[in-house]
Amino acid sequence: PERVAVREAVERVVELYAPAAADKWVRVANNVDPAAVAFVDPPILQAVVRNLVANAIKYSHPGGAVEIDGAAGEA
């Protein structure tokens, strides 16, 4: 595990799924606090976020929105 900037990890996934979201007219917003950091295995975090974003887009109504929120907390 290592310290990972969560917003940046989410942003990479949002960019990856931007074409799928655009095809369905779904707006995806990354509202994760820039100060949010997690102590995780980076590939596992990416896999989890990819799965969540992909399913959120898949099950959203056309023209809908997906918002990803996260706040920085105290360690």
Protein backbone atom coordinates (compact mmCIF):
# COMPACT_ATOMS: atom_id res chain seq x y z
CA PRO A 1 0.00 0.00 0.00
CA GLU A 2 1.01 3.62 -0.55
CA ARG A 3 -0.42 7.12 -0.22
CA VAL A 4 -2.55 7.99 -3.24
CA ALA A 5 -4.22 11.28 -4.14
CA VAL A 6 -7.81 10.08 -4.50
CA ARG A 7 -9.01 12.93 -6.72
CA GLU A 8 -6.27 12.22 -9.27
CA ALA A 9 -7.07 8.49 -9.26
CA VAL A 10 -10.75 9.23 -9.84
CA GLU A 11 -9.93 11.75 -12.57
CA ARG A 12 -7.99 9.12 -14.54
CA VAL A 13 -11.03 6.83 -14.43
CA VAL A 14 -13.44 9.63 -15.37
CA GLU A 15 -11.26 10.40 -18.41
CA LEU A 16 -11.21 6.70 -19.33
CA TYR A 17 -15.01 6.49 -19.30
CA ALA A 18 -15.68 9.92 -20.85
CA PRO A 19 -16.54 8.43 -24.27
CA ALA A 20 -19.07 6.00 -22.75
CA ALA A 21 -20.63 8.80 -20.71
CA ALA A 22 -20.79 11.07 -23.76
CA ASP A 23 -22.46 8.35 -25.85
CA LYS A 24 -25.20 8.16 -23.24
CA TRP A 25 -25.32 11.91 -22.54
CA VAL A 26 -24.38 11.27 -18.90
CA ARG A 27 -22.47 14.00 -17.06
CA VAL A 28 -19.73 12.73 -14.73
CA ALA A 29 -18.46 15.08 -12.01
CA ASN A 30 -15.39 14.47 -9.86
CA ASN A 31 -16.13 16.30 -6.60
CA VAL A 32 -13.44 14.59 -4.53
CA ASP A 33 -11.60 16.98 -2.20
CA PRO A 34 -8.11 17.66 -3.66
CA ALA A 35 -6.67 17.05 -0.18
CA ALA A 36 -8.15 13.52 0.04
CA VAL A 37 -5.40 10.92 0.36
CA ALA A 38 -5.78 7.18 0.89
CA PHE A 39 -3.25 4.56 1.96
CA VAL A 40 -4.08 1.84 -0.57
CA ASP A 41 -2.82 -0.51 -3.24
CA PRO A 42 -3.11 1.79 -6.31
CA PRO A 43 -4.19 -0.91 -8.82
CA ILE A 44 -6.92 -2.09 -6.45
CA LEU A 45 -8.19 1.48 -5.96
CA GLN A 46 -8.26 1.95 -9.74
CA ALA A 47 -10.18 -1.31 -10.21
CA VAL A 48 -12.76 -0.36 -7.59
CA VAL A 49 -13.27 3.14 -8.97
CA ARG A 50 -13.47 1.80 -12.56
CA ASN A 51 -16.15 -0.67 -11.52
CA LEU A 52 -18.19 1.96 -9.68
CA VAL A 53 -17.98 4.53 -12.48
CA ALA A 54 -18.70 1.99 -15.22
CA ASN A 55 -21.79 0.70 -13.39
CA ALA A 56 -22.96 4.21 -12.55
CA ILE A 57 -22.83 5.17 -16.23
CA LYS A 58 -24.37 1.89 -17.33
CA TYR A 59 -27.36 2.19 -15.01
CA SER A 60 -27.91 5.95 -15.38
CA HIS A 61 -30.75 7.22 -17.49
CA PRO A 62 -29.69 8.97 -20.70
CA GLY A 63 -29.04 12.61 -19.86
CA GLY A 64 -28.42 11.78 -16.21
CA ALA A 65 -25.50 12.60 -13.96
CA VAL A 66 -22.92 10.70 -11.94
CA GLU A 67 -21.23 12.54 -9.08
CA ILE A 68 -18.22 11.20 -7.23
CA ASP A 69 -17.78 12.84 -3.84
CA GLY A 70 -15.11 12.39 -1.22
CA ALA A 71 -13.76 14.49 1.60
CA ALA A 72 -10.36 14.59 3.22
CA GLY A 73 -10.40 13.41 6.77
CA GLU A 74 -7.98 13.25 9.64
CA ALA A 75 -5.66 10.27 9.83
